[in-house]
Amino acid sequence: MKTVKLTENELITIKTALFSHMQHIRKDIEQAKFEGKNTSFQEQILKEVQQAFKALNFAE
């Protein structure tokens, strides 16, 4: 694993993008469930994005 240094603004930008992506995935899951479709793929992606978002809380 590599370590990178980010400015506070870069970190905020990445977290904002991930948060927005999570919101879109949640909407996709909601729509798929409404249509009776399998949402396991979207739910797995959502978990991975959430983990990445949480990991950024430890960034310096």
Protein backbone atom coordinates (compact mmCIF):
# COMPACT_ATOMS: atom_id res chain seq x y z
CA MET A 1 0.00 0.00 0.00
CA LYS A 2 1.30 3.44 -0.88
CA THR A 3 0.98 6.58 1.18
CA VAL A 4 0.04 9.85 -0.46
CA LYS A 5 -0.13 13.33 0.99
CA LEU A 6 -3.25 15.37 0.34
CA THR A 7 -4.12 18.94 1.05
CA GLU A 8 -7.22 19.52 3.12
CA ASN A 9 -9.04 20.76 0.01
CA GLU A 10 -8.10 17.63 -1.94
CA LEU A 11 -9.34 15.44 0.89
CA ILE A 12 -12.62 17.35 1.08
CA THR A 13 -13.05 17.05 -2.69
CA ILE A 14 -12.53 13.29 -2.62
CA LYS A 15 -14.89 12.82 0.34
CA THR A 16 -17.53 14.96 -1.36
CA ALA A 17 -17.26 12.92 -4.55
CA LEU A 18 -17.55 9.65 -2.63
CA PHE A 19 -20.54 10.93 -0.68
CA SER A 20 -22.25 11.98 -3.90
CA HIS A 21 -21.49 8.58 -5.43
CA MET A 22 -23.02 6.86 -2.38
CA GLN A 23 -26.19 8.91 -2.80
CA HIS A 24 -26.47 7.89 -6.47
CA ILE A 25 -25.92 4.23 -5.62
CA ARG A 26 -28.63 4.42 -2.93
CA LYS A 27 -31.05 5.88 -5.49
CA ASP A 28 -30.13 3.12 -7.95
CA ILE A 29 -30.78 0.50 -5.27
CA GLU A 30 -34.13 2.06 -4.41
CA GLN A 31 -35.16 2.14 -8.08
CA ALA A 32 -34.00 -1.43 -8.69
CA LYS A 33 -35.92 -2.69 -5.64
CA PHE A 34 -39.02 -0.86 -6.86
CA GLU A 35 -38.64 -2.63 -10.21
CA GLY A 36 -38.10 -5.97 -8.47
CA LYS A 37 -34.52 -6.34 -9.65
CA ASN A 38 -31.57 -7.90 -7.85
CA THR A 39 -29.60 -5.24 -5.98
CA SER A 40 -26.73 -7.35 -4.63
CA PHE A 41 -24.18 -5.83 -7.02
CA GLN A 42 -25.14 -2.25 -6.12
CA GLU A 43 -25.18 -3.09 -2.43
CA GLN A 44 -21.67 -4.53 -2.64
CA ILE A 45 -20.41 -1.44 -4.46
CA LEU A 46 -22.08 0.77 -1.84
CA LYS A 47 -20.29 -1.10 0.97
CA GLU A 48 -16.95 -0.65 -0.77
CA VAL A 49 -17.50 3.07 -1.33
CA GLN A 50 -18.59 3.47 2.31
CA GLN A 51 -15.40 1.74 3.46
CA ALA A 52 -13.30 4.07 1.32
CA PHE A 53 -15.16 7.07 2.75
CA LYS A 54 -14.58 5.87 6.31
CA ALA A 55 -10.90 5.23 5.59
CA LEU A 56 -10.48 8.86 4.62
CA ASN A 57 -11.44 9.85 8.17
CA PHE A 58 -7.98 8.61 9.17
CA ALA A 59 -6.16 10.59 6.49
CA GLU A 60 -3.79 13.30 7.63
